[in-house]
Structure formats: C-alpha cells, structure tokens
Amino acid sequence: MSLDEVKDVRTPDADTTDTTDTTDTTEPTGITKRRGGGWAALRPLLLRMHFYAGLLIAPLLFLAAATGLLYAGSWQAEKIIYSDELTVARVGESALPLSAQVAAAKGAAPQGDIVSVWPAPEADATTRVIMESKGLPEGETLTVFVDPYTAEVRGQLTTSGDALPLRAWLSEFHSNLQLGDFGRNYSELAASWLWVVALGGLALWIGRRRKRKAELVVPARGAEGRRRTLSWHGVVGLWSVAGLVVLSATGLTWSKYAGENIGQLQDSLGGATPTVSAKLKPGPESAGGDEHAGHNMGPGEEMPPPAPTADIGIDRAVEAARAAGVTEYLQVTLPAKGKGYVVKEKDKQVPVHLDSVAIDPADGRVMDELPFADYPLLAKMTRFGIDLHMGLTFGLVNQLALAALAVALMLLIFWGYRMWWLRRPTKDRTFSAGRAQPRGAWRRLPVSVLLPLAAVTAVVGWFVPMLGISLVAFLAVDVLLGFVARRRVKAANPA
C-alpha cells in the first residue's frame, strides 16, 4: 500500500496496531475519551510528524551518525597513525629554546611562513611549528613536528587547525560529505530535525499506557514481533534522548543558516566570545621614534598601527606569558603587522585552561589579558557545547560517549524502519510498506492548543530555516497526497 492510498480515518492506538502482534493493545497514558482534548488531540499530530520525519530524514540522520562514529574514533586513531610525528624518540633531560626548534622547522620547510608555534604540551610530545605555504587550500597549513630535546624534525603534515590529515578529512566528511557548501545542507537538515524527532519520540514513549512501569526504562520481556522492536526503540531512545538533543543543539551552532541566527542572538544578548587584543598602540614611540609621524593624518583619523621595530623573541614572549599565568598547552601566534605576540592556552579538557595574553614584541610587556573566567556565560556554554560535540571536554570518555550515541541513533533508525516494514498490511507482498498515520490530526486540536503551537512552530521554523523549509515541504506533499487520495476514492465511488 502506498502512502497516498491511506484513508483519512482515526484508528485506535495507531502506533501499536499490528496485524502480526494482536497482544499489543496498550493505549497512551492519560488519554481522555473526549474528542480533541489535550494529549488525545496532540498525540496523532506527534505520531504523524514522527512518522514522516523518521521516514524521510532518517537517511540523513543515519549518515550523520555513521560519519560521527568515525570522527569519534579519529582522535585515538591519529595517535597511532601519526605516532612518529606526535612523539619523540626519547625523552631528554631538558628542552631546547623554542627559537632553536623554530629555526630547525624553518630549515626543513624554507618555503613556509611561520604563523604560530605550539610548544610540546607533554614530556614525550613534539613541538608543532605552523606555517602558511603557497599551494595549500584555504584553511590548511603546513605543520612541522620538532623534537624539543634535539631539534630533530620528526615529520611534516598538512593540517587544518589542530586536526591532522585523517581527522581533518573525517571532520569534513561528517559536516558536508566532502561536498563543500552544498554538502553542509545535509548536516544542517539532520541537526535541525534530530531534536524534533528525539523529543517527539520521547513524548510518545512516555505517553503510552503500560502494564509494568519498568517497561518504560527497560525492554519488555517476552515481547515478540513489532512490539519487541517498539520496546527496544522506545527504551534506547529514552536513554539517548538527552545526548541526541545536545548533539543537535551544538551541531546547529556552527551550521550555515541556523548558526548565523544563533550567533546574532548570542551577540545581541551580550554573549559573544571575546578575544584578546594584540593591536600595537599607534604613536611616535611605537612608530620607531619618528616625531613627525602622523603629521599628514586628516582630522579625526587614527594613526595606523606600525610594524614592530623590535622583537624580544619567542622565548621571552613565552616567559612573559607564563609569568602572567598562561601556562598550559600553549599556542603562540607570532607578531604580524600592527600586532604583537598572542599566547593562548588550548587545553579544552575539564578543568579547561583557555586564558590568553598579548605581549608587546618590543619589551615583553603584557598589553592585554583575557582569563576564561571573564567570558560571558553564553560564550562559555557555546565553548563547552562545541567541545562536547567534538569529543574534547572529557577526553576518551567523551569520545566513547559520542560513539555510543552514534550507534544508538543508527539502531533507533533501523528499528524505526523495521516497525514500518512489520506494519505493512499484506505480508506476502515483498515491496509493500506500512501505512502512514491518518491525516487531519491538526484539525482535531483545540484552538487554545493550535494557535500557540502554530506560533511556536513559525518562530522555530524561521530561526532554524532548514527545519522550517522542510516542514513546509512536508505539509505541501501531505496536502497533495491527500488530494490525490480523495480523487481516487471519488473515482472509485462515483455515486
């Protein structure tokens, strides 16, 4: 039976009706017999939305879960695959000055322009010297790995941020299937619907009436057929829902369309992520002592920042940063035109170390400092959310939890399709499929529920555009299928 052949009728307990499992006759908890009242009116709408979203968005969710599973494992995989670059052959007694390590990296890759240096964070780790190099795609850099004890170059890799080639590729695969901006639509659509499907499923599962309360949180014992599949689907969904909603919300923060709206809202609420200021102060002294500097400036114009005329060197800059309290997992950005050194902490595991300072290259003076404790609350929450999504906040435990959520989501999708398959009315028809939930559920809602629901849906659809656009598309298709179904019924019964 095709979806457009479904008659617009209300069937009892539509999510449990199954010709192969007549023992599953439970009804939702709290349903009143009054037509259109409360949960009894809302439940059919949730069922239909959950059905269509699960049926049509599930393939995208499955892709996101599968690629996310691969990404969760990439943190440990890169430690094995790139062990030569990431670790030293032998831990020495003391490290060489950073300047000597940087010089060794420059000698190994003279074509690169050094932009930052990541001193070895652990005794057996290498120092990373990050370079911009011609011929590399936008956003990619050349990283030279240097033994801090001997200045031996352990290798060179093309990197993206802190991601080595394997993780960088898997990150792109997860976010856009290696299809660029077009592919980003897939992940945003999946993230936009994941929380809707998860919370809708949670409401439906909690709202069921069951003989044993324990079956809310553990699979039903002795169940068979579709009822057994439904039990596993509901219980695993219940235990996974919080993590899935967090993944959805954090994934949307760096999506193309919803992410822009989230960023604007965050900025308007004063929650923008602050940055340390490394801008050199304009003036005769910083311009090299030229007392005539700025004489040709127009009224109200500010003298442009000068290029540094002196450089204390990376070793003294790091010493100054450490003296200011920036000590853990350092990332040193070298001076550029009009800017000094920026020394940041990049340890995102709890407890996080994300303080930063700006150092004047002329004299080692701290020009600005930004403790993570001074971040606005929303900026902190965004930072924690993104790092949780990426598997950073709790290290290996975080990555294992992400892998478990990915597997759970794939199982939920499999069980969902299996229930649809078991629901098919004619078991001897190989390609028949289960029916959709009846149409017209929204018409049964009382006005006091329908109007607020429509308003909230419109606001959420505007704020999360991929959700809003796809929801409108679902409604249009649903109306079209209903029209076709009515025409067929009328044609079959001309009287």
Protein backbone atom coordinates (compact mmCIF):
# COMPACT_ATOMS: atom_id res chain seq x y z
CA MET A 1 0.00 0.00 0.00
CA SER A 2 1.42 3.38 -0.94
CA LEU A 3 1.20 6.36 1.36
CA ASP A 4 -1.27 8.18 -0.85
CA GLU A 5 -3.73 5.30 -0.56
CA VAL A 6 -4.17 5.79 3.16
CA LYS A 7 -7.69 6.83 4.12
CA ASP A 8 -8.11 9.78 6.44
CA VAL A 9 -9.56 7.84 9.35
CA ARG A 10 -8.63 7.56 13.01
CA THR A 11 -7.51 4.09 14.09
CA PRO A 12 -7.26 3.10 17.75
CA ASP A 13 -3.73 3.32 19.17
CA ALA A 14 -2.24 3.94 15.73
CA ASP A 15 1.33 3.35 16.81
CA THR A 16 0.64 -0.12 18.16
CA THR A 17 -1.86 -1.56 15.69
CA ASP A 18 -0.17 -4.55 14.10
CA THR A 19 -1.76 -7.47 12.30
CA THR A 20 1.13 -9.67 13.39
CA ASP A 21 1.01 -8.79 17.06
CA THR A 22 -2.51 -8.69 18.42
CA THR A 23 -1.33 -8.78 22.02
CA ASP A 24 -0.07 -5.18 21.87
CA THR A 25 -3.28 -3.39 22.80
CA THR A 26 -1.92 -0.78 25.20
CA GLU A 27 -3.18 2.77 24.95
CA PRO A 28 -1.41 6.04 25.74
CA THR A 29 -1.31 7.19 29.32
CA GLY A 30 -3.65 9.99 30.20
CA ILE A 31 -5.79 9.86 27.03
CA THR A 32 -9.27 11.13 27.72
CA LYS A 33 -12.25 9.83 25.83
CA ARG A 34 -13.35 13.35 24.96
CA ARG A 35 -12.65 14.01 21.29
CA GLY A 36 -9.97 16.62 20.72
CA GLY A 37 -8.97 17.06 24.34
CA GLY A 38 -5.37 17.61 25.49
CA TRP A 39 -2.98 14.75 24.83
CA ALA A 40 -5.61 12.78 22.90
CA ALA A 41 -5.67 15.56 20.30
CA LEU A 42 -1.94 16.26 20.25
CA ARG A 43 -0.79 12.64 20.08
CA PRO A 44 -1.97 11.90 16.50
CA LEU A 45 -0.16 15.02 15.27
CA LEU A 46 3.04 13.90 17.01
CA LEU A 47 2.63 10.43 15.56
CA ARG A 48 2.28 11.73 12.02
CA MET A 49 5.20 14.15 12.35
CA HIS A 50 7.39 11.49 13.96
CA PHE A 51 6.48 9.07 11.20
CA TYR A 52 7.25 11.39 8.29
CA ALA A 53 10.36 12.92 9.87
CA GLY A 54 11.66 9.48 10.77
CA LEU A 55 10.90 8.11 7.33
CA LEU A 56 12.29 10.95 5.22
CA ILE A 57 15.03 12.47 7.42
CA ALA A 58 16.29 9.18 8.87
CA PRO A 59 18.72 8.51 5.98
CA LEU A 60 20.42 11.84 6.67
CA LEU A 61 20.48 11.12 10.39
CA PHE A 62 21.99 7.72 9.70
CA LEU A 63 24.73 9.32 7.59
CA ALA A 64 25.44 11.89 10.30
CA ALA A 65 25.62 9.13 12.94
CA ALA A 66 27.87 6.89 10.86
CA THR A 67 30.29 9.68 9.95
CA GLY A 68 30.16 10.96 13.53
CA LEU A 69 31.10 7.49 14.76
CA LEU A 70 34.15 7.54 12.51
CA TYR A 71 35.09 11.02 13.73
CA ALA A 72 34.75 10.00 17.38
CA GLY A 73 37.34 7.29 16.76
CA SER A 74 39.69 9.58 14.84
CA TRP A 75 41.20 11.10 17.99
CA GLN A 76 42.68 7.81 19.07
CA ALA A 77 43.40 6.69 15.50
CA GLU A 78 45.60 9.69 14.74
CA LYS A 79 47.71 8.99 17.83
CA ILE A 80 48.55 5.61 16.31
CA ILE A 81 48.85 6.59 12.65
CA TYR A 82 50.91 9.72 13.31
CA SER A 83 52.87 8.50 16.31
CA ASP A 84 56.22 9.30 14.63
CA GLU A 85 55.24 12.94 14.17
CA LEU A 86 53.49 13.37 17.51
CA THR A 87 56.02 11.77 19.86
CA VAL A 88 59.77 11.94 20.43
CA ALA A 89 62.14 9.01 20.12
CA ARG A 90 63.48 9.55 23.64
CA VAL A 91 62.58 11.96 26.41
CA GLY A 92 65.54 14.19 27.22
CA GLU A 93 66.55 15.96 30.40
CA SER A 94 65.70 19.48 29.20
CA ALA A 95 64.16 21.07 26.13
CA LEU A 96 66.00 23.38 23.79
CA PRO A 97 64.87 27.01 23.48
CA LEU A 98 61.79 27.41 21.30
CA SER A 99 63.76 29.68 18.98
CA ALA A 100 66.13 26.78 18.19
CA GLN A 101 63.19 24.48 17.49
CA VAL A 102 61.59 27.08 15.24
CA ALA A 103 64.87 27.53 13.35
CA ALA A 104 65.05 23.77 12.74
CA ALA A 105 61.48 23.74 11.40
CA LYS A 106 62.24 26.68 9.10
CA GLY A 107 65.31 24.89 7.79
CA ALA A 108 63.21 21.84 6.96
CA ALA A 109 60.46 23.87 5.23
CA PRO A 110 62.06 27.13 3.97
CA GLN A 111 59.08 27.79 1.69
CA GLY A 112 56.68 28.27 4.61
CA ASP A 113 55.90 31.43 6.56
CA ILE A 114 55.69 30.68 10.28
CA VAL A 115 52.47 31.94 11.87
CA SER A 116 52.33 30.11 15.18
CA VAL A 117 54.15 27.66 17.41
CA TRP A 118 52.67 25.06 19.76
CA PRO A 119 55.29 24.10 22.35
CA ALA A 120 55.33 20.43 23.31
CA PRO A 121 52.49 20.03 25.85
CA GLU A 122 53.83 16.80 27.37
CA ALA A 123 57.25 15.32 28.06
CA ASP A 124 57.09 12.85 25.15
CA ALA A 125 55.34 15.16 22.67
CA THR A 126 56.80 17.14 19.80
CA THR A 127 56.58 20.87 19.20
CA ARG A 128 54.38 21.95 16.31
CA VAL A 129 55.51 24.80 14.09
CA ILE A 130 52.59 26.00 11.96
CA MET A 131 53.31 27.60 8.58
CA GLU A 132 51.36 29.12 5.74
CA SER A 133 52.58 27.78 2.43
CA LYS A 134 51.70 28.55 -1.15
CA GLY A 135 49.66 25.92 -2.96
CA LEU A 136 47.70 24.76 0.08
CA PRO A 137 43.89 25.02 0.04
CA GLU A 138 42.28 27.75 2.09
CA GLY A 139 42.14 26.87 5.77
CA GLU A 140 45.01 24.40 5.60
CA THR A 141 48.52 24.90 6.92
CA LEU A 142 51.83 23.08 6.89
CA THR A 143 52.84 21.74 10.30
CA VAL A 144 56.43 20.75 11.06
CA PHE A 145 56.92 18.48 14.08
CA VAL A 146 60.14 19.07 16.01
CA ASP A 147 61.75 17.07 18.82
CA PRO A 148 62.08 19.65 21.63
CA TYR A 149 65.17 17.93 23.06
CA THR A 150 67.24 17.55 19.90
CA ALA A 151 65.55 19.90 17.35
CA GLU A 152 65.20 16.89 15.05
CA VAL A 153 62.37 17.32 12.57
CA ARG A 154 60.08 14.32 13.05
CA GLY A 155 57.89 14.99 10.03
CA GLN A 156 55.67 17.40 8.13
CA LEU A 157 51.91 17.19 7.61
CA THR A 158 49.19 19.31 6.06
CA THR A 159 46.81 20.20 8.86
CA SER A 160 43.55 22.05 9.45
CA GLY A 161 43.58 23.78 12.82
CA ASP A 162 44.67 21.12 15.29
CA ALA A 163 43.41 18.27 13.09
CA LEU A 164 45.90 16.03 11.33
CA PRO A 165 45.03 14.73 7.84
CA LEU A 166 42.86 11.77 8.93
CA ARG A 167 40.76 13.69 11.42
CA ALA A 168 40.54 16.73 9.14
CA TRP A 169 39.18 14.55 6.33
CA LEU A 170 36.69 12.79 8.61
CA SER A 171 35.59 16.13 10.04
CA GLU A 172 34.77 17.38 6.55
CA PHE A 173 33.10 14.07 5.73
CA HIS A 174 30.90 14.38 8.81
CA SER A 175 29.99 18.01 8.19
CA ASN A 176 29.46 18.03 4.42
CA LEU A 177 30.21 14.56 2.97
CA GLN A 178 33.21 16.17 1.22
CA LEU A 179 30.76 18.08 -0.99
CA GLY A 180 31.64 21.60 0.17
CA ASP A 181 28.96 24.19 0.89
CA PHE A 182 26.28 22.14 -0.85
CA GLY A 183 27.01 19.21 1.42
CA ARG A 184 26.64 21.34 4.54
CA ASN A 185 22.91 21.41 3.88
CA TYR A 186 22.70 17.69 4.67
CA SER A 187 24.23 18.03 8.12
CA GLU A 188 22.22 21.13 8.97
CA LEU A 189 18.99 19.44 7.89
CA ALA A 190 19.86 16.40 10.02
CA ALA A 191 20.76 18.52 13.05
CA SER A 192 17.62 20.64 12.59
CA TRP A 193 15.33 17.61 12.78
CA LEU A 194 17.22 15.44 15.26
CA TRP A 195 15.93 17.25 18.35
CA VAL A 196 12.37 17.30 16.95
CA VAL A 197 12.37 13.58 16.26
CA ALA A 198 14.05 12.80 19.60
CA LEU A 199 11.73 14.90 21.78
CA GLY A 200 8.63 13.85 19.83
CA GLY A 201 9.58 10.21 20.27
CA LEU A 202 10.18 10.79 23.98
CA ALA A 203 6.71 12.28 24.42
CA LEU A 204 5.10 9.39 22.56
CA TRP A 205 7.02 6.79 24.55
CA ILE A 206 6.28 8.34 27.96
CA GLY A 207 2.63 8.86 26.97
CA ARG A 208 1.98 5.15 26.40
CA ARG A 209 0.00 3.19 28.96
CA ARG A 210 1.84 0.06 30.01
CA LYS A 211 1.11 -2.78 32.42
CA ARG A 212 4.56 -2.68 34.02
CA LYS A 213 6.15 0.67 34.75
CA ALA A 214 9.60 -0.89 34.42
CA GLU A 215 8.99 -1.26 30.67
CA LEU A 216 9.42 2.49 30.40
CA VAL A 217 13.16 2.15 31.03
CA VAL A 218 13.97 -1.49 30.19
CA PRO A 219 12.85 -3.53 27.15
CA ALA A 220 9.71 -5.61 27.65
CA ARG A 221 10.46 -9.24 28.47
CA GLY A 222 8.77 -11.85 26.35
CA ALA A 223 7.60 -9.40 23.71
CA GLU A 224 7.67 -10.57 20.11
CA GLY A 225 7.34 -9.12 16.64
CA ARG A 226 6.70 -5.44 16.25
CA ARG A 227 6.01 -4.97 19.97
CA ARG A 228 9.53 -6.18 20.79
CA THR A 229 11.05 -3.83 18.22
CA LEU A 230 8.97 -0.94 19.55
CA SER A 231 10.10 -1.70 23.09
CA TRP A 232 13.79 -1.57 22.17
CA HIS A 233 13.22 1.53 20.04
CA GLY A 234 11.49 3.34 22.88
CA VAL A 235 13.85 2.34 25.69
CA VAL A 236 17.08 3.09 23.80
CA GLY A 237 15.54 6.36 22.62
CA LEU A 238 14.67 7.26 26.21
CA TRP A 239 18.23 6.67 27.41
CA SER A 240 19.72 8.50 24.42
CA VAL A 241 17.41 11.49 24.10
CA ALA A 242 19.42 13.95 26.24
CA GLY A 243 22.63 13.26 24.35
CA LEU A 244 20.89 13.44 20.98
CA VAL A 245 19.32 16.81 21.81
CA VAL A 246 22.71 18.16 22.93
CA LEU A 247 24.31 16.92 19.70
CA SER A 248 21.55 18.58 17.69
CA ALA A 249 21.83 21.91 19.51
CA THR A 250 25.62 22.06 19.44
CA GLY A 251 25.73 20.95 15.81
CA LEU A 252 23.46 23.83 14.86
CA THR A 253 25.80 26.39 16.45
CA TRP A 254 28.22 26.17 13.54
CA SER A 255 25.73 25.39 10.78
CA LYS A 256 25.36 27.82 7.90
CA TYR A 257 21.88 29.25 8.36
CA ALA A 258 20.75 28.42 11.89
CA GLY A 259 24.30 29.02 13.10
CA GLU A 260 24.18 32.59 11.82
CA ASN A 261 20.90 33.22 13.65
CA ILE A 262 22.30 31.67 16.83
CA GLY A 263 25.39 33.86 16.57
CA GLN A 264 23.32 37.02 16.12
CA LEU A 265 21.11 36.10 19.08
CA GLN A 266 24.16 35.36 21.21
CA ASP A 267 25.75 38.70 20.28
CA SER A 268 22.54 40.60 21.00
CA LEU A 269 22.40 39.02 24.46
CA GLY A 270 25.98 40.04 25.20
CA GLY A 271 27.33 36.52 24.89
CA ALA A 272 29.80 36.98 22.03
CA THR A 273 33.09 35.18 22.50
CA PRO A 274 35.70 37.80 23.46
CA THR A 275 39.23 37.93 22.07
CA VAL A 276 42.43 39.30 23.49
CA SER A 277 43.62 42.50 21.81
CA ALA A 278 47.14 42.30 20.38
CA LYS A 279 46.94 45.59 18.49
CA LEU A 280 50.01 47.78 18.93
CA LYS A 281 49.26 51.30 20.08
CA PRO A 282 49.85 53.94 17.40
CA GLY A 283 52.06 56.89 18.15
CA PRO A 284 55.55 58.32 17.67
CA GLU A 285 57.22 55.92 20.07
CA SER A 286 55.80 52.73 18.58
CA ALA A 287 56.44 54.08 15.10
CA GLY A 288 60.16 53.94 15.68
CA GLY A 289 60.57 57.32 17.35
CA ASP A 290 59.65 59.41 14.30
CA GLU A 291 58.43 62.67 15.86
CA HIS A 292 56.81 63.70 12.56
CA ALA A 293 54.78 60.52 12.27
CA GLY A 294 51.12 61.27 11.72
CA HIS A 295 51.58 64.85 10.53
CA ASN A 296 49.78 64.01 7.28
CA MET A 297 46.79 62.44 9.00
CA GLY A 298 43.40 64.03 8.36
CA PRO A 299 41.11 65.34 11.11
CA GLY A 300 39.73 62.55 13.26
CA GLU A 301 41.93 59.91 11.62
CA GLU A 302 43.86 57.47 13.76
CA MET A 303 47.46 56.65 13.00
CA PRO A 304 47.69 53.10 11.68
CA PRO A 305 49.46 50.57 13.89
CA PRO A 306 53.12 50.22 12.98
CA ALA A 307 55.07 47.14 12.15
CA PRO A 308 57.09 46.00 15.18
CA THR A 309 60.52 47.65 15.12
CA ALA A 310 61.95 45.32 17.77
CA ASP A 311 61.30 41.73 18.75
CA ILE A 312 62.22 40.21 22.06
CA GLY A 313 61.87 36.75 20.52
CA ILE A 314 59.53 33.86 21.14
CA ASP A 315 61.38 32.58 24.23
CA ARG A 316 60.99 35.83 26.17
CA ALA A 317 57.42 36.23 24.96
CA VAL A 318 56.51 32.81 26.36
CA GLU A 319 58.29 33.63 29.62
CA ALA A 320 56.22 36.80 29.93
CA ALA A 321 53.02 34.86 29.26
CA ARG A 322 53.89 32.23 31.85
CA ALA A 323 54.59 34.96 34.38
CA ALA A 324 51.08 36.30 33.65
CA GLY A 325 49.57 32.89 34.44
CA VAL A 326 49.21 31.45 30.92
CA THR A 327 51.00 28.14 31.35
CA GLU A 328 49.06 25.12 29.98
CA TYR A 329 49.13 23.71 26.42
CA LEU A 330 50.34 26.90 24.81
CA GLN A 331 49.70 28.24 21.32
CA VAL A 332 51.96 31.13 20.39
CA THR A 333 50.92 33.36 17.48
CA LEU A 334 53.87 35.34 16.12
CA PRO A 335 53.72 39.11 15.62
CA ALA A 336 52.21 40.40 12.38
CA LYS A 337 51.95 43.95 11.06
CA GLY A 338 50.46 46.13 13.77
CA LYS A 339 50.15 43.27 16.27
CA GLY A 340 52.21 41.68 19.00
CA TYR A 341 52.53 38.14 20.27
CA VAL A 342 49.38 36.28 21.32
CA VAL A 343 49.90 33.41 23.74
CA LYS A 344 46.85 31.24 24.40
CA GLU A 345 46.09 28.14 26.39
CA LYS A 346 44.36 25.45 24.33
CA ASP A 347 43.60 22.76 26.90
CA LYS A 348 39.85 22.20 26.46
CA GLN A 349 39.51 19.26 28.82
CA VAL A 350 37.86 19.83 32.17
CA PRO A 351 39.12 21.79 34.02
CA VAL A 352 39.71 23.92 30.96
CA HIS A 353 42.74 26.16 30.50
CA LEU A 354 41.82 28.80 27.93
CA ASP A 355 43.38 32.01 29.24
CA SER A 356 45.24 34.26 26.80
CA VAL A 357 47.55 37.28 26.82
CA ALA A 358 49.02 39.67 24.27
CA ILE A 359 52.72 40.52 24.58
CA ASP A 360 54.41 43.64 23.21
CA PRO A 361 57.26 42.38 20.98
CA ALA A 362 59.36 45.44 21.79
CA ASP A 363 59.71 44.98 25.54
CA GLY A 364 57.72 41.90 26.64
CA ARG A 365 55.04 43.99 28.31
CA VAL A 366 51.59 42.39 28.72
CA MET A 367 49.33 44.56 26.55
CA ASP A 368 46.09 42.70 27.26
CA GLU A 369 44.96 39.59 29.07
CA LEU A 370 41.76 37.57 28.92
CA PRO A 371 41.07 34.88 31.53
CA PHE A 372 38.48 32.30 30.54
CA ALA A 373 36.69 33.13 33.78
CA ASP A 374 35.84 36.53 32.28
CA TYR A 375 34.00 35.04 29.29
CA PRO A 376 30.24 35.78 29.23
CA LEU A 377 28.12 32.83 30.34
CA LEU A 378 26.73 32.23 26.84
CA ALA A 379 30.24 32.21 25.39
CA LYS A 380 31.29 29.63 27.98
CA MET A 381 28.25 27.48 27.23
CA THR A 382 28.96 27.65 23.49
CA ARG A 383 32.58 26.68 24.09
CA PHE A 384 31.65 23.73 26.29
CA GLY A 385 28.90 22.61 23.90
CA ILE A 386 31.12 22.60 20.84
CA ASP A 387 33.91 20.80 22.66
CA LEU A 388 31.48 18.18 23.95
CA HIS A 389 30.24 17.65 20.39
CA MET A 390 33.83 17.22 19.19
CA GLY A 391 34.81 14.81 21.96
CA LEU A 392 37.26 17.12 23.73
CA THR A 393 35.80 18.06 27.11
CA PHE A 394 36.27 14.70 28.84
CA GLY A 395 38.81 13.15 26.51
CA LEU A 396 38.46 9.43 25.85
CA VAL A 397 35.28 9.17 27.97
CA ASN A 398 33.71 11.91 25.85
CA GLN A 399 34.71 10.14 22.64
CA LEU A 400 33.30 6.81 23.83
CA ALA A 401 30.04 8.51 24.77
CA LEU A 402 29.81 10.06 21.28
CA ALA A 403 30.44 6.67 19.71
CA ALA A 404 27.71 5.11 21.88
CA LEU A 405 25.24 7.84 20.88
CA ALA A 406 26.08 7.33 17.20
CA VAL A 407 25.48 3.57 17.47
CA ALA A 408 22.26 4.17 19.42
CA LEU A 409 20.96 6.56 16.74
CA MET A 410 21.73 4.08 13.96
CA LEU A 411 19.90 1.34 15.89
CA LEU A 412 16.91 3.61 16.50
CA ILE A 413 16.68 4.29 12.77
CA PHE A 414 16.97 0.59 11.95
CA TRP A 415 14.23 -0.29 14.44
CA GLY A 416 12.06 2.52 13.13
CA TYR A 417 12.25 1.23 9.57
CA ARG A 418 11.69 -2.31 10.83
CA MET A 419 8.46 -1.27 12.56
CA TRP A 420 7.32 0.40 9.36
CA TRP A 421 8.10 -2.83 7.50
CA LEU A 422 6.28 -5.03 10.03
CA ARG A 423 3.30 -2.71 9.80
CA ARG A 424 2.67 -3.50 6.14
CA PRO A 425 -0.88 -4.82 5.65
CA THR A 426 -0.07 -7.59 3.17
CA LYS A 427 2.82 -9.75 4.35
CA ASP A 428 3.06 -11.76 1.13
CA ARG A 429 3.78 -8.58 -0.89
CA THR A 430 7.54 -8.17 -0.68
CA PHE A 431 7.57 -4.48 -1.54
CA SER A 432 4.52 -3.39 0.43
CA ALA A 433 5.09 -0.91 3.25
CA GLY A 434 3.45 0.23 6.45
CA ARG A 435 0.77 2.85 6.39
CA ALA A 436 1.27 6.42 7.48
CA GLN A 437 -0.58 7.87 10.44
CA PRO A 438 -4.02 9.26 9.48
CA ARG A 439 -4.32 12.77 8.12
CA GLY A 440 -6.25 15.62 9.67
CA ALA A 441 -4.64 15.41 13.13
CA TRP A 442 -4.10 19.17 13.33
CA ARG A 443 -7.82 19.77 12.73
CA ARG A 444 -8.60 17.88 15.94
CA LEU A 445 -6.55 20.26 18.08
CA PRO A 446 -8.49 22.74 20.19
CA VAL A 447 -7.88 26.35 19.21
CA SER A 448 -6.25 27.02 22.59
CA VAL A 449 -3.55 24.50 21.64
CA LEU A 450 -3.44 25.02 17.88
CA LEU A 451 -2.71 28.77 17.89
CA PRO A 452 0.24 28.70 20.36
CA LEU A 453 1.60 25.59 18.61
CA ALA A 454 1.41 27.30 15.22
CA ALA A 455 3.11 30.42 16.58
CA VAL A 456 5.93 28.45 18.19
CA THR A 457 6.37 26.38 15.03
CA ALA A 458 6.59 29.53 12.89
CA VAL A 459 9.21 31.11 15.17
CA VAL A 460 11.31 27.94 15.37
CA GLY A 461 10.97 27.42 11.61
CA TRP A 462 12.24 30.94 10.96
CA PHE A 463 15.10 30.61 13.45
CA VAL A 464 16.09 27.16 12.12
CA PRO A 465 15.47 27.69 8.38
CA MET A 466 16.26 24.17 7.18
CA LEU A 467 13.67 22.84 9.61
CA GLY A 468 11.09 25.42 8.53
CA ILE A 469 11.62 24.91 4.80
CA SER A 470 11.49 21.12 5.02
CA LEU A 471 8.41 21.27 7.27
CA VAL A 472 6.60 23.41 4.70
CA ALA A 473 7.66 20.91 2.02
CA PHE A 474 6.28 18.02 4.12
CA LEU A 475 2.98 19.81 4.55
CA ALA A 476 2.74 20.58 0.83
CA VAL A 477 3.41 16.95 -0.11
CA ASP A 478 0.97 15.76 2.53
CA VAL A 479 -1.77 18.04 1.19
CA LEU A 480 -1.05 16.86 -2.35
CA LEU A 481 -1.21 13.19 -1.33
CA GLY A 482 -4.49 13.84 0.46
CA PHE A 483 -5.93 15.50 -2.62
CA VAL A 484 -4.86 12.57 -4.81
CA ALA A 485 -6.27 10.05 -2.33
CA ARG A 486 -9.65 11.84 -2.24
CA ARG A 487 -9.76 11.94 -6.04
CA ARG A 488 -9.14 8.20 -6.18
CA VAL A 489 -11.85 7.49 -3.61
CA LYS A 490 -14.28 9.70 -5.50
CA ALA A 491 -13.38 7.99 -8.78
CA ALA A 492 -13.91 4.57 -7.20
CA ASN A 493 -17.26 5.64 -5.73
CA PRO A 494 -18.83 7.99 -8.28
CA ALA A 495 -22.19 7.87 -6.51
